Structures are given as structure tokens and as C-alpha cells.
């Protein structure tokens, strides 16, 4: 990709600039389309939750008001929100010219994301109900699997963005990441897309926490 962005198709500078703008635009569009896809997944989970809750067939929606372990839910939610906040704060510091602050925020967010993932997996192994024992239990299992998938995506995206920043920093130097070079612009566009998705995961995670643990 580095060679392609720097040299284009061995064409004129105007065509190379157009190719770079198209590349950055595709990252912008792809990141937001990815969020849109996840929104539809969340919508299907929310629909199933409220449909089964309103139907309450055989009074089996939530027998004895059973709830997943709330303390695990708090840890997962707070760690997920922390990852999103670190991504937002880090990008703001990056736009202010501090690459080091962005990397520190990124590694912090990566750690909190891993914590959220581990606790979410552990919670599914210690639930006080069986997956098909009630409507709430069934939808909660779906939520747990969905949240694990989301956290894996966030962690992978943050980690690969950090790894790429380290490689580019060795090649270009810290100021080079803020330069107008093609690879630096591509990397910053990827940082922006990752930040939006991490923020989206934090907001949706907080909403789903309220829905499954507090309602």
C-alpha cells in the first residue's frame, strides 16, 4: 500500500492526488458503513428483547426477575466506555500535534478493551440461568456473543492502528505522522475511522447495559 500511495500508477501528479483522495474517501465511507451495519445488528437485538418482553408468553420472559451478574456488567460497560474515551481523547491530542499522547491513549484503550473482553467471556461461564430457560436468558446470550464480537473488532482495530503507527514512526519519524505524505494521511484517516467505531461501541455498549441490567 505504501508504494501505491506514494507512486500511484506512475501517472501525473494530478492523477496521483486524485487516487489518494479516493483512497482516503473510501476509508471514510467504509468506516461509517461499518457502523451502519452494526447499527442494524443492534436493532435486531433490541427488537427481539422488547418483542419477547412485551409478549411474555407463559410468563416466561423473566421468571423470578432473573438478571445476569450486574458487577460483571458494570466492569464490561465501564471498560468499553473507557476504550472509546481513550480513542476520542487520543485522536484529539493527535490533531493537536502530539503523536506520543495518541499512542499512550491507544495502549490504555487497548488494555481496557482486553479487560472488557475477558470479563465478558468469563461472565458467560458463570450465569445463574441456562441459555434457553427464558426469553431474557436467550436474548442475553445473544447480547453476550454480540458484545464479544464487537470487542474483538475494536481491539483488533486499535492494535493494528497502533502497530502501523510504530512502523511509520520508524520510517518517517514522529513529525512524519503529521505530515502531508500519502501514507501519513492514509494512517490518520484510519485513526479517524477507528475512533468513530470505538466511540460507537462505547455508546451502544452503555445502552445495552442499561437494557439488560437495569430495566
N, C-alpha and C. Protein backbone atom coordinates (compact mmCIF):
# COMPACT_ATOMS: atom_id res chain seq x y z
N UNK A 1 0.83 -1.20 0.00
CA UNK A 1 0.00 0.00 0.00
C UNK A 1 0.87 1.26 0.00
N UNK A 2 1.98 1.22 0.75
CA UNK A 2 2.85 2.38 0.82
C UNK A 2 3.36 2.78 -0.55
N UNK A 3 3.79 1.77 -1.33
CA UNK A 3 4.30 2.07 -2.67
C UNK A 3 3.21 2.62 -3.56
N UNK A 4 2.03 2.05 -3.46
CA UNK A 4 0.92 2.50 -4.30
C UNK A 4 0.54 3.93 -3.97
N UNK A 5 0.46 4.25 -2.64
CA UNK A 5 0.07 5.60 -2.26
C UNK A 5 1.12 6.62 -2.64
N UNK A 6 2.37 6.25 -2.55
CA UNK A 6 3.44 7.20 -2.87
C UNK A 6 3.60 7.41 -4.36
N UNK A 7 3.40 6.35 -5.16
CA UNK A 7 3.72 6.44 -6.57
C UNK A 7 2.49 6.41 -7.46
N UNK A 8 1.32 6.01 -6.92
CA UNK A 8 0.14 5.91 -7.75
C UNK A 8 0.33 4.86 -8.81
N UNK A 9 -0.14 5.15 -10.02
CA UNK A 9 0.03 4.23 -11.14
C UNK A 9 1.07 4.79 -12.12
N UNK A 10 2.12 5.43 -11.57
CA UNK A 10 3.15 6.05 -12.40
C UNK A 10 2.51 7.05 -13.36
N UNK A 11 1.51 7.80 -12.88
CA UNK A 11 0.80 8.74 -13.72
C UNK A 11 1.16 10.16 -13.31
N UNK A 12 0.36 11.11 -13.74
CA UNK A 12 0.64 12.52 -13.45
C UNK A 12 0.38 12.82 -11.97
N UNK A 13 0.97 13.90 -11.46
CA UNK A 13 0.72 14.26 -10.05
C UNK A 13 -0.76 14.49 -9.76
N UNK A 14 -1.49 15.05 -10.72
CA UNK A 14 -2.92 15.28 -10.50
C UNK A 14 -3.66 13.97 -10.33
N UNK A 15 -3.33 12.97 -11.13
CA UNK A 15 -3.99 11.67 -11.02
C UNK A 15 -3.59 10.97 -9.71
N UNK A 16 -2.33 11.12 -9.31
CA UNK A 16 -1.89 10.53 -8.04
C UNK A 16 -2.63 11.17 -6.86
N UNK A 17 -2.82 12.50 -6.92
CA UNK A 17 -3.56 13.19 -5.87
C UNK A 17 -5.01 12.74 -5.84
N UNK A 18 -5.61 12.53 -7.02
CA UNK A 18 -6.99 12.04 -7.08
C UNK A 18 -7.09 10.65 -6.48
N UNK A 19 -6.09 9.81 -6.78
CA UNK A 19 -6.10 8.45 -6.23
C UNK A 19 -6.02 8.49 -4.71
N UNK A 20 -5.18 9.38 -4.17
CA UNK A 20 -5.06 9.49 -2.72
C UNK A 20 -6.37 9.95 -2.10
N UNK A 21 -7.01 10.95 -2.71
CA UNK A 21 -8.30 11.43 -2.18
C UNK A 21 -9.34 10.32 -2.23
N UNK A 22 -9.33 9.53 -3.30
CA UNK A 22 -10.28 8.42 -3.40
C UNK A 22 -10.01 7.36 -2.33
N UNK A 23 -8.72 7.11 -2.07
CA UNK A 23 -8.35 6.14 -1.04
C UNK A 23 -8.83 6.59 0.33
N UNK A 24 -8.57 7.85 0.67
CA UNK A 24 -9.00 8.38 1.97
C UNK A 24 -10.52 8.42 2.05
N UNK A 25 -11.17 8.78 0.95
CA UNK A 25 -12.63 8.79 0.93
C UNK A 25 -13.22 7.41 1.14
N UNK A 26 -12.57 6.39 0.61
CA UNK A 26 -13.07 5.02 0.79
C UNK A 26 -12.94 4.59 2.25
N UNK A 27 -11.88 5.03 2.93
CA UNK A 27 -11.75 4.73 4.35
C UNK A 27 -12.85 5.42 5.14
N UNK A 28 -13.11 6.68 4.80
CA UNK A 28 -14.17 7.45 5.47
C UNK A 28 -15.53 6.76 5.28
N UNK A 29 -15.85 6.42 4.03
CA UNK A 29 -17.15 5.80 3.75
C UNK A 29 -17.24 4.41 4.35
N UNK A 30 -16.16 3.62 4.21
CA UNK A 30 -16.18 2.26 4.73
C UNK A 30 -16.37 2.22 6.23
N UNK A 31 -15.69 3.13 6.95
CA UNK A 31 -15.84 3.15 8.39
C UNK A 31 -17.26 3.45 8.83
N UNK A 32 -17.91 4.36 8.16
CA UNK A 32 -19.28 4.72 8.52
C UNK A 32 -20.29 3.68 8.07
N UNK A 33 -20.03 3.03 6.94
CA UNK A 33 -20.90 1.93 6.53
C UNK A 33 -20.78 0.76 7.51
N UNK A 34 -19.58 0.55 8.04
CA UNK A 34 -19.38 -0.49 9.03
C UNK A 34 -20.20 -0.21 10.28
N UNK A 35 -20.23 1.05 10.71
CA UNK A 35 -21.06 1.43 11.84
C UNK A 35 -22.53 1.21 11.52
N UNK A 36 -22.93 1.52 10.30
CA UNK A 36 -24.32 1.29 9.90
C UNK A 36 -24.70 -0.18 9.96
N UNK A 37 -23.79 -1.06 9.53
CA UNK A 37 -24.06 -2.50 9.61
C UNK A 37 -24.24 -2.93 11.06
N UNK A 38 -23.40 -2.43 11.94
CA UNK A 38 -23.52 -2.78 13.35
C UNK A 38 -24.80 -2.24 13.96
N UNK A 39 -25.24 -1.07 13.48
CA UNK A 39 -26.49 -0.50 13.98
C UNK A 39 -27.65 -1.43 13.67
N UNK A 40 -27.67 -2.02 12.50
CA UNK A 40 -28.73 -2.96 12.15
C UNK A 40 -28.67 -4.20 13.04
N UNK A 41 -27.47 -4.66 13.37
CA UNK A 41 -27.34 -5.81 14.27
C UNK A 41 -27.89 -5.48 15.66
N UNK A 42 -27.57 -4.29 16.14
CA UNK A 42 -28.10 -3.87 17.44
C UNK A 42 -29.61 -3.73 17.39
N UNK A 43 -30.11 -3.19 16.30
CA UNK A 43 -31.56 -3.03 16.17
C UNK A 43 -32.28 -4.37 16.23
N UNK A 44 -31.71 -5.40 15.61
CA UNK A 44 -32.35 -6.72 15.65
C UNK A 44 -32.35 -7.28 17.07
N UNK A 45 -31.27 -7.03 17.82
CA UNK A 45 -31.20 -7.49 19.20
C UNK A 45 -32.20 -6.74 20.07
N UNK A 46 -32.30 -5.43 19.87
CA UNK A 46 -33.25 -4.62 20.64
C UNK A 46 -34.68 -5.03 20.32
N UNK A 47 -34.96 -5.30 19.05
CA UNK A 47 -36.31 -5.73 18.67
C UNK A 47 -36.67 -7.04 19.35
N UNK A 48 -35.74 -8.01 19.32
CA UNK A 48 -36.02 -9.30 19.95
C UNK A 48 -36.26 -9.13 21.45
N UNK A 49 -35.49 -8.27 22.08
CA UNK A 49 -35.63 -8.04 23.53
C UNK A 49 -37.01 -7.50 23.85
N UNK A 50 -37.41 -6.43 23.20
CA UNK A 50 -38.68 -5.79 23.54
C UNK A 50 -39.89 -6.59 23.04
N UNK A 51 -39.72 -7.33 21.95
CA UNK A 51 -40.83 -8.16 21.48
C UNK A 51 -41.12 -9.28 22.48
N UNK A 52 -40.07 -9.99 22.89
CA UNK A 52 -40.27 -11.08 23.85
C UNK A 52 -40.73 -10.55 25.20
N UNK A 53 -40.25 -9.38 25.57
CA UNK A 53 -40.65 -8.80 26.84
C UNK A 53 -42.12 -8.41 26.82
N UNK A 54 -42.58 -7.83 25.72
CA UNK A 54 -43.99 -7.42 25.65
C UNK A 54 -44.91 -8.62 25.50
N UNK A 55 -44.47 -9.66 24.77
CA UNK A 55 -45.31 -10.86 24.61
C UNK A 55 -45.41 -11.64 25.92
N UNK A 56 -44.27 -11.90 26.55
CA UNK A 56 -44.21 -12.60 27.84
C UNK A 56 -45.07 -13.87 27.83
N UNK A 57 -44.89 -14.69 26.80
CA UNK A 57 -45.69 -15.91 26.66
C UNK A 57 -45.44 -16.85 27.83
N UNK A 58 -46.51 -17.31 28.44
CA UNK A 58 -46.41 -18.23 29.58
C UNK A 58 -45.69 -17.64 30.77
N UNK A 59 -45.64 -16.31 30.82
CA UNK A 59 -44.93 -15.62 31.90
C UNK A 59 -43.47 -16.08 32.01
N UNK A 60 -42.89 -16.41 30.87
CA UNK A 60 -41.53 -16.93 30.84
C UNK A 60 -40.52 -15.92 30.32
N UNK A 61 -40.91 -14.65 30.27
CA UNK A 61 -39.95 -13.66 29.84
C UNK A 61 -38.78 -13.57 30.82
N UNK A 62 -39.13 -13.41 32.11
CA UNK A 62 -38.08 -13.23 33.12
C UNK A 62 -38.54 -13.80 34.45
N UNK A 63 -38.62 -15.13 34.56
CA UNK A 63 -39.11 -15.74 35.80
C UNK A 63 -38.27 -15.32 37.00
N UNK A 64 -38.95 -14.94 38.07
CA UNK A 64 -38.28 -14.55 39.32
C UNK A 64 -37.32 -13.37 39.11
N UNK A 65 -37.56 -12.57 38.05
CA UNK A 65 -36.76 -11.38 37.77
C UNK A 65 -35.26 -11.70 37.70
N UNK A 66 -34.94 -12.82 37.09
CA UNK A 66 -33.55 -13.23 36.99
C UNK A 66 -32.75 -12.20 36.19
N UNK A 67 -31.52 -11.95 36.61
CA UNK A 67 -30.66 -10.96 35.96
C UNK A 67 -29.24 -11.51 35.91
N UNK A 68 -28.55 -11.17 34.85
CA UNK A 68 -27.13 -11.54 34.75
C UNK A 68 -26.35 -10.82 35.84
N UNK A 69 -25.18 -11.36 36.23
CA UNK A 69 -24.39 -10.72 37.30
C UNK A 69 -24.08 -9.26 36.98
N UNK A 70 -24.65 -8.37 37.78
CA UNK A 70 -24.54 -6.94 37.50
C UNK A 70 -23.11 -6.42 37.64
N UNK A 71 -22.35 -6.97 38.59
CA UNK A 71 -20.99 -6.46 38.78
C UNK A 71 -20.11 -6.73 37.56
N UNK A 72 -20.33 -7.88 36.89
CA UNK A 72 -19.61 -8.13 35.65
C UNK A 72 -20.03 -7.12 34.58
N UNK A 73 -21.32 -6.87 34.53
CA UNK A 73 -21.83 -5.93 33.53
C UNK A 73 -21.26 -4.54 33.69
N UNK A 74 -21.12 -4.09 34.94
CA UNK A 74 -20.53 -2.77 35.18
C UNK A 74 -19.09 -2.71 34.69
N UNK A 75 -18.33 -3.76 34.96
CA UNK A 75 -16.92 -3.77 34.55
C UNK A 75 -16.82 -3.73 33.03
N UNK A 76 -17.62 -4.54 32.36
CA UNK A 76 -17.57 -4.58 30.90
C UNK A 76 -17.97 -3.23 30.32
N UNK A 77 -19.06 -2.66 30.83
CA UNK A 77 -19.53 -1.39 30.30
C UNK A 77 -18.52 -0.27 30.53
N UNK A 78 -18.01 -0.16 31.76
CA UNK A 78 -17.05 0.92 32.06
C UNK A 78 -15.76 0.76 31.27
N UNK A 79 -15.28 -0.47 31.12
CA UNK A 79 -14.05 -0.68 30.35
C UNK A 79 -14.27 -0.37 28.87
N UNK A 80 -15.44 -0.71 28.34
CA UNK A 80 -15.74 -0.39 26.95
C UNK A 80 -15.84 1.11 26.73
N UNK A 81 -16.50 1.80 27.65
CA UNK A 81 -16.60 3.26 27.56
C UNK A 81 -15.21 3.89 27.67
N UNK A 82 -14.37 3.34 28.55
CA UNK A 82 -13.01 3.87 28.69
C UNK A 82 -12.23 3.72 27.39
N UNK A 83 -12.40 2.60 26.70
CA UNK A 83 -11.72 2.41 25.42
C UNK A 83 -12.17 3.45 24.41
N UNK A 84 -13.48 3.68 24.35
CA UNK A 84 -13.98 4.71 23.44
C UNK A 84 -13.48 6.10 23.78
N UNK A 85 -13.45 6.43 25.07
CA UNK A 85 -12.96 7.74 25.50
C UNK A 85 -11.49 7.91 25.18
N UNK A 86 -10.70 6.85 25.40
CA UNK A 86 -9.28 6.93 25.08
C UNK A 86 -9.06 7.16 23.59
N UNK A 87 -9.89 6.53 22.76
CA UNK A 87 -9.76 6.73 21.31
C UNK A 87 -10.08 8.17 20.93
N UNK A 88 -11.14 8.72 21.53
CA UNK A 88 -11.54 10.10 21.21
C UNK A 88 -10.50 11.10 21.72
N UNK A 89 -10.08 10.93 22.98
CA UNK A 89 -9.08 11.84 23.54
C UNK A 89 -7.76 11.72 22.79
N UNK A 90 -7.37 10.50 22.47
CA UNK A 90 -6.12 10.30 21.75
C UNK A 90 -6.13 10.97 20.39
N UNK A 91 -7.23 10.84 19.66
CA UNK A 91 -7.29 11.48 18.34
C UNK A 91 -7.28 13.00 18.48
N UNK A 92 -7.93 13.51 19.52
CA UNK A 92 -7.90 14.96 19.72
C UNK A 92 -6.47 15.44 19.99
N UNK A 93 -5.73 14.66 20.78
CA UNK A 93 -4.33 15.02 21.04
C UNK A 93 -3.49 14.89 19.77
N UNK A 94 -3.81 13.89 18.95
CA UNK A 94 -3.08 13.72 17.69
C UNK A 94 -3.31 14.92 16.78
N UNK A 95 -4.54 15.37 16.71
CA UNK A 95 -4.84 16.54 15.88
C UNK A 95 -4.17 17.80 16.44
N UNK A 96 -3.87 17.77 17.75
CA UNK A 96 -3.15 18.88 18.35
C UNK A 96 -1.65 18.79 18.15
N UNK A 97 -1.18 17.70 17.54
CA UNK A 97 0.23 17.58 17.21
C UNK A 97 1.03 16.65 18.09
N UNK A 98 0.37 15.90 19.00
CA UNK A 98 1.11 15.02 19.92
C UNK A 98 0.89 13.56 19.54
N UNK A 99 1.87 12.99 18.86
CA UNK A 99 1.80 11.57 18.49
C UNK A 99 1.95 10.69 19.72
N UNK A 100 2.84 11.07 20.63
CA UNK A 100 3.07 10.28 21.84
C UNK A 100 1.82 10.17 22.69
N UNK A 101 1.10 11.28 22.86
CA UNK A 101 -0.14 11.24 23.64
C UNK A 101 -1.16 10.30 23.00
N UNK A 102 -1.22 10.32 21.67
CA UNK A 102 -2.15 9.41 20.99
C UNK A 102 -1.77 7.96 21.25
N UNK A 103 -0.48 7.65 21.19
CA UNK A 103 -0.05 6.28 21.41
C UNK A 103 -0.31 5.83 22.85
N UNK A 104 -0.08 6.72 23.81
CA UNK A 104 -0.37 6.38 25.21
C UNK A 104 -1.85 6.12 25.39
N UNK A 105 -2.69 6.98 24.83
CA UNK A 105 -4.14 6.78 24.92
C UNK A 105 -4.55 5.49 24.21
N UNK A 106 -3.90 5.20 23.07
CA UNK A 106 -4.23 3.98 22.34
C UNK A 106 -3.90 2.72 23.12
N UNK A 107 -2.71 2.67 23.72
CA UNK A 107 -2.34 1.49 24.51
C UNK A 107 -3.23 1.35 25.74
N UNK A 108 -3.60 2.49 26.36
CA UNK A 108 -4.51 2.44 27.50
C UNK A 108 -5.86 1.89 27.08
N UNK A 109 -6.38 2.38 25.95
CA UNK A 109 -7.65 1.88 25.44
C UNK A 109 -7.59 0.42 25.06
N UNK A 110 -6.44 -0.01 24.54
CA UNK A 110 -6.29 -1.43 24.19
C UNK A 110 -6.36 -2.30 25.45
N UNK A 111 -5.74 -1.86 26.53
CA UNK A 111 -5.76 -2.62 27.78
C UNK A 111 -7.18 -2.71 28.34
N UNK A 112 -7.89 -1.58 28.37
CA UNK A 112 -9.26 -1.61 28.89
C UNK A 112 -10.17 -2.45 27.99
N UNK A 113 -9.92 -2.45 26.69
CA UNK A 113 -10.70 -3.29 25.80
C UNK A 113 -10.48 -4.77 26.06
N UNK A 114 -9.23 -5.15 26.30
CA UNK A 114 -8.93 -6.55 26.62
C UNK A 114 -9.58 -6.94 27.94
N UNK A 115 -9.57 -6.04 28.92
CA UNK A 115 -10.23 -6.32 30.20
C UNK A 115 -11.72 -6.56 29.98
N UNK A 116 -12.35 -5.70 29.19
CA UNK A 116 -13.78 -5.86 28.91
C UNK A 116 -14.06 -7.20 28.24
N UNK A 117 -13.21 -7.59 27.29
CA UNK A 117 -13.40 -8.85 26.57
C UNK A 117 -13.27 -10.04 27.52
N UNK A 118 -12.24 -10.04 28.36
CA UNK A 118 -12.03 -11.16 29.28
C UNK A 118 -13.19 -11.30 30.25
N UNK A 119 -13.63 -10.17 30.81
CA UNK A 119 -14.73 -10.22 31.78
C UNK A 119 -16.03 -10.66 31.10
N UNK A 120 -16.26 -10.20 29.86
CA UNK A 120 -17.47 -10.61 29.16
C UNK A 120 -17.50 -12.11 28.91
N UNK A 121 -16.37 -12.67 28.51
CA UNK A 121 -16.29 -14.11 28.30
C UNK A 121 -16.48 -14.85 29.62
N UNK A 122 -15.84 -14.37 30.68
CA UNK A 122 -15.97 -15.00 31.99
C UNK A 122 -17.41 -14.96 32.48
N UNK A 123 -18.10 -13.87 32.22
CA UNK A 123 -19.48 -13.76 32.67
C UNK A 123 -20.37 -14.83 32.05
N UNK A 124 -20.16 -15.12 30.78
CA UNK A 124 -20.98 -16.12 30.12
C UNK A 124 -20.77 -17.52 30.71
N UNK A 125 -19.65 -17.72 31.39
CA UNK A 125 -19.40 -19.02 32.02
C UNK A 125 -19.94 -19.11 33.44
N UNK A 126 -20.49 -18.02 33.95
CA UNK A 126 -20.97 -18.02 35.34
C UNK A 126 -22.36 -17.42 35.47
N UNK A 127 -23.19 -17.63 34.47
CA UNK A 127 -24.56 -17.10 34.51
C UNK A 127 -25.44 -17.92 35.44
N UNK A 128 -26.40 -17.28 36.12
CA UNK A 128 -27.29 -18.02 37.02
C UNK A 128 -28.48 -18.64 36.31
N UNK A 129 -28.45 -18.74 34.98
CA UNK A 129 -29.55 -19.33 34.22
C UNK A 129 -28.98 -20.04 33.00
N UNK A 130 -29.81 -20.92 32.41
CA UNK A 130 -29.43 -21.62 31.19
C UNK A 130 -29.84 -20.79 29.97
N UNK A 131 -29.18 -20.96 28.83
CA UNK A 131 -29.46 -20.12 27.67
C UNK A 131 -30.92 -20.09 27.23
N UNK A 132 -31.61 -21.25 27.27
CA UNK A 132 -32.98 -21.28 26.79
C UNK A 132 -34.02 -21.30 27.89
N UNK A 133 -33.65 -20.92 29.09
CA UNK A 133 -34.59 -21.03 30.22
C UNK A 133 -35.66 -19.95 30.20
N UNK A 134 -35.45 -18.86 29.50
CA UNK A 134 -36.43 -17.77 29.44
C UNK A 134 -36.13 -16.88 28.25
N UNK A 135 -37.07 -15.98 27.97
CA UNK A 135 -36.82 -15.03 26.89
C UNK A 135 -35.66 -14.12 27.19
N UNK A 136 -35.57 -13.67 28.44
CA UNK A 136 -34.45 -12.81 28.83
C UNK A 136 -33.12 -13.55 28.69
N UNK A 137 -33.09 -14.79 29.12
CA UNK A 137 -31.86 -15.58 29.04
C UNK A 137 -31.41 -15.73 27.58
N UNK A 138 -32.34 -16.00 26.70
CA UNK A 138 -31.99 -16.19 25.29
C UNK A 138 -31.43 -14.92 24.67
N UNK A 139 -32.10 -13.78 24.92
CA UNK A 139 -31.62 -12.54 24.35
C UNK A 139 -30.30 -12.10 25.00
N UNK A 140 -30.11 -12.41 26.27
CA UNK A 140 -28.86 -12.04 26.92
C UNK A 140 -27.69 -12.81 26.32
N UNK A 141 -27.88 -14.08 26.02
CA UNK A 141 -26.81 -14.85 25.39
C UNK A 141 -26.46 -14.23 24.03
N UNK A 142 -27.49 -13.83 23.29
CA UNK A 142 -27.24 -13.14 22.02
C UNK A 142 -26.46 -11.85 22.22
N UNK A 143 -26.83 -11.10 23.26
CA UNK A 143 -26.10 -9.88 23.57
C UNK A 143 -24.65 -10.17 23.94
N UNK A 144 -24.43 -11.20 24.75
CA UNK A 144 -23.07 -11.54 25.17
C UNK A 144 -22.18 -11.90 23.99
N UNK A 145 -22.70 -12.73 23.09
CA UNK A 145 -21.92 -13.12 21.90
C UNK A 145 -21.67 -11.90 21.01
N UNK A 146 -22.70 -11.08 20.83
CA UNK A 146 -22.56 -9.87 20.02
C UNK A 146 -21.52 -8.93 20.63
N UNK A 147 -21.53 -8.79 21.95
CA UNK A 147 -20.58 -7.89 22.60
C UNK A 147 -19.15 -8.41 22.49
N UNK A 148 -18.98 -9.71 22.59
CA UNK A 148 -17.65 -10.29 22.39
C UNK A 148 -17.14 -10.00 20.99
N UNK A 149 -18.00 -10.17 20.01
CA UNK A 149 -17.62 -9.89 18.62
C UNK A 149 -17.23 -8.43 18.45
N UNK A 150 -18.02 -7.53 19.05
CA UNK A 150 -17.74 -6.10 18.94
C UNK A 150 -16.41 -5.75 19.59
N UNK A 151 -16.15 -6.30 20.77
CA UNK A 151 -14.90 -6.00 21.47
C UNK A 151 -13.69 -6.54 20.70
N UNK A 152 -13.83 -7.71 20.08
CA UNK A 152 -12.74 -8.25 19.28
C UNK A 152 -12.42 -7.31 18.12
N UNK A 153 -13.46 -6.79 17.46
CA UNK A 153 -13.25 -5.86 16.35
C UNK A 153 -12.55 -4.60 16.83
N UNK A 154 -13.03 -4.03 17.95
CA UNK A 154 -12.43 -2.80 18.48
C UNK A 154 -10.96 -3.03 18.85
N UNK A 155 -10.69 -4.12 19.57
CA UNK A 155 -9.32 -4.42 19.99
C UNK A 155 -8.41 -4.61 18.78
N UNK A 156 -8.88 -5.37 17.80
CA UNK A 156 -8.07 -5.61 16.60
C UNK A 156 -7.78 -4.30 15.87
N UNK A 157 -8.79 -3.45 15.74
CA UNK A 157 -8.62 -2.20 15.01
C UNK A 157 -7.65 -1.27 15.74
N UNK A 158 -7.82 -1.16 17.06
CA UNK A 158 -6.91 -0.32 17.84
C UNK A 158 -5.48 -0.83 17.75
N UNK A 159 -5.32 -2.15 17.89
CA UNK A 159 -3.98 -2.73 17.89
C UNK A 159 -3.29 -2.55 16.55
N UNK A 160 -3.99 -2.80 15.46
CA UNK A 160 -3.37 -2.66 14.14
C UNK A 160 -3.04 -1.21 13.83
N UNK A 161 -3.87 -0.29 14.31
CA UNK A 161 -3.57 1.13 14.11
C UNK A 161 -2.33 1.54 14.89
N UNK A 162 -2.22 1.03 16.12
CA UNK A 162 -1.02 1.31 16.92
C UNK A 162 0.23 0.70 16.27
N UNK A 163 0.12 -0.54 15.83
CA UNK A 163 1.27 -1.19 15.21
C UNK A 163 1.71 -0.44 13.96
N UNK A 164 0.76 0.02 13.18
CA UNK A 164 1.11 0.77 11.98
C UNK A 164 1.77 2.10 12.34
N UNK A 165 1.32 2.73 13.43
CA UNK A 165 1.94 4.00 13.84
C UNK A 165 3.39 3.80 14.26
N UNK A 166 3.67 2.68 14.92
CA UNK A 166 5.05 2.40 15.32
C UNK A 166 5.94 2.18 14.10
N UNK A 167 5.41 1.46 13.11
CA UNK A 167 6.20 1.20 11.90
C UNK A 167 6.45 2.51 11.13
N UNK A 168 5.40 3.32 11.00
CA UNK A 168 5.56 4.57 10.27
C UNK A 168 6.45 5.55 11.03
N UNK A 169 6.40 5.48 12.35
CA UNK A 169 7.26 6.37 13.14
C UNK A 169 8.73 6.03 12.93
N UNK A 170 9.03 4.74 12.78
CA UNK A 170 10.41 4.36 12.48
C UNK A 170 10.83 4.82 11.09
N UNK A 171 9.89 4.79 10.15
CA UNK A 171 10.22 5.16 8.78
C UNK A 171 10.25 6.67 8.57
N UNK A 172 9.28 7.37 9.17
CA UNK A 172 9.12 8.80 8.90
C UNK A 172 9.54 9.69 10.05
N UNK A 173 9.64 9.11 11.28
CA UNK A 173 9.85 9.93 12.45
C UNK A 173 8.51 10.41 12.98
N UNK A 174 8.48 10.82 14.24
CA UNK A 174 7.22 11.26 14.84
C UNK A 174 6.57 12.41 14.07
N UNK A 175 7.33 13.44 13.64
CA UNK A 175 6.69 14.52 12.87
C UNK A 175 6.12 14.04 11.53
N UNK A 176 6.68 12.94 11.01
CA UNK A 176 6.21 12.43 9.73
C UNK A 176 4.78 11.93 9.77
N UNK A 177 4.33 11.47 10.93
CA UNK A 177 2.95 11.01 11.06
C UNK A 177 1.95 12.14 10.92
N UNK A 178 2.42 13.36 11.11
CA UNK A 178 1.54 14.53 11.00
C UNK A 178 1.76 15.27 9.69
N UNK A 179 2.55 14.69 8.82
CA UNK A 179 2.90 15.35 7.57
C UNK A 179 1.81 15.15 6.53
N UNK A 180 2.02 15.71 5.36
CA UNK A 180 1.07 15.57 4.25
C UNK A 180 1.44 14.41 3.32
N UNK A 181 2.37 13.56 3.74
CA UNK A 181 2.72 12.41 2.89
C UNK A 181 1.51 11.48 2.77
N UNK A 182 1.50 10.73 1.69
CA UNK A 182 0.34 9.88 1.40
C UNK A 182 0.10 8.85 2.48
N UNK A 183 1.17 8.19 2.94
CA UNK A 183 0.99 7.14 3.95
C UNK A 183 0.52 7.72 5.27
N UNK A 184 1.00 8.92 5.62
CA UNK A 184 0.57 9.56 6.86
C UNK A 184 -0.90 9.95 6.79
N UNK A 185 -1.33 10.48 5.65
CA UNK A 185 -2.74 10.84 5.50
C UNK A 185 -3.63 9.60 5.56
N UNK A 186 -3.17 8.52 4.94
CA UNK A 186 -3.93 7.27 4.98
C UNK A 186 -4.05 6.76 6.41
N UNK A 187 -2.95 6.82 7.16
CA UNK A 187 -2.97 6.36 8.55
C UNK A 187 -3.90 7.20 9.40
N UNK A 188 -3.87 8.51 9.22
CA UNK A 188 -4.75 9.39 10.02
C UNK A 188 -6.21 9.16 9.67
N UNK A 189 -6.51 8.85 8.42
CA UNK A 189 -7.89 8.53 8.05
C UNK A 189 -8.34 7.25 8.74
N UNK A 190 -7.44 6.28 8.84
CA UNK A 190 -7.76 5.03 9.53
C UNK A 190 -7.95 5.27 11.03
N UNK A 191 -7.14 6.16 11.61
CA UNK A 191 -7.31 6.52 13.02
C UNK A 191 -8.69 7.13 13.24
N UNK A 192 -9.11 8.00 12.34
CA UNK A 192 -10.42 8.64 12.47
C UNK A 192 -11.54 7.60 12.41
N UNK A 193 -11.46 6.66 11.46
CA UNK A 193 -12.48 5.63 11.34
C UNK A 193 -12.52 4.74 12.58
N UNK A 194 -11.33 4.38 13.09
CA UNK A 194 -11.26 3.57 14.30
C UNK A 194 -11.86 4.30 15.49
N UNK A 195 -11.60 5.60 15.58
CA UNK A 195 -12.13 6.38 16.70
C UNK A 195 -13.65 6.43 16.67
N UNK A 196 -14.21 6.63 15.49
CA UNK A 196 -15.66 6.67 15.38
C UNK A 196 -16.27 5.33 15.79
N UNK A 197 -15.66 4.23 15.37
CA UNK A 197 -16.23 2.93 15.71
C UNK A 197 -16.07 2.63 17.20
N UNK A 198 -14.92 2.98 17.79
CA UNK A 198 -14.73 2.77 19.22
C UNK A 198 -15.73 3.60 20.02
N UNK A 199 -15.98 4.83 19.59
CA UNK A 199 -16.98 5.65 20.25
C UNK A 199 -18.37 5.08 20.10
N UNK A 200 -18.67 4.58 18.91
CA UNK A 200 -19.97 3.94 18.68
C UNK A 200 -20.14 2.71 19.58
N UNK A 201 -19.08 1.90 19.70
CA UNK A 201 -19.14 0.72 20.56
C UNK A 201 -19.37 1.11 22.02
N UNK A 202 -18.76 2.22 22.45
CA UNK A 202 -18.94 2.68 23.83
C UNK A 202 -20.38 3.11 24.08
N UNK A 203 -20.94 3.89 23.16
CA UNK A 203 -22.31 4.38 23.33
C UNK A 203 -23.31 3.23 23.28
N UNK A 204 -23.17 2.35 22.29
CA UNK A 204 -24.09 1.22 22.17
C UNK A 204 -23.93 0.26 23.34
N UNK A 205 -22.69 0.08 23.84
CA UNK A 205 -22.47 -0.79 24.99
C UNK A 205 -23.14 -0.26 26.23
N UNK A 206 -23.09 1.06 26.43
CA UNK A 206 -23.76 1.67 27.58
C UNK A 206 -25.28 1.50 27.48
N UNK A 207 -25.82 1.66 26.28
CA UNK A 207 -27.27 1.50 26.08
C UNK A 207 -27.70 0.06 26.35
N UNK A 208 -26.95 -0.90 25.81
CA UNK A 208 -27.30 -2.31 26.02
C UNK A 208 -27.14 -2.71 27.48
N UNK A 209 -26.17 -2.12 28.17
CA UNK A 209 -26.02 -2.38 29.60
C UNK A 209 -27.27 -1.95 30.34
N UNK A 210 -27.76 -0.76 30.07
CA UNK A 210 -28.99 -0.29 30.72
C UNK A 210 -30.16 -1.21 30.40
N UNK A 211 -30.22 -1.68 29.17
CA UNK A 211 -31.34 -2.50 28.74
C UNK A 211 -31.34 -3.88 29.43
N UNK A 212 -30.19 -4.50 29.54
CA UNK A 212 -30.13 -5.87 30.06
C UNK A 212 -29.90 -5.95 31.57
N UNK A 213 -29.36 -4.89 32.16
CA UNK A 213 -29.02 -4.98 33.59
C UNK A 213 -29.89 -4.07 34.47
N UNK A 214 -30.46 -3.01 33.88
CA UNK A 214 -31.16 -2.04 34.71
C UNK A 214 -32.66 -1.95 34.44
N UNK A 215 -33.13 -2.52 33.36
CA UNK A 215 -34.55 -2.41 33.02
C UNK A 215 -35.32 -3.64 33.50
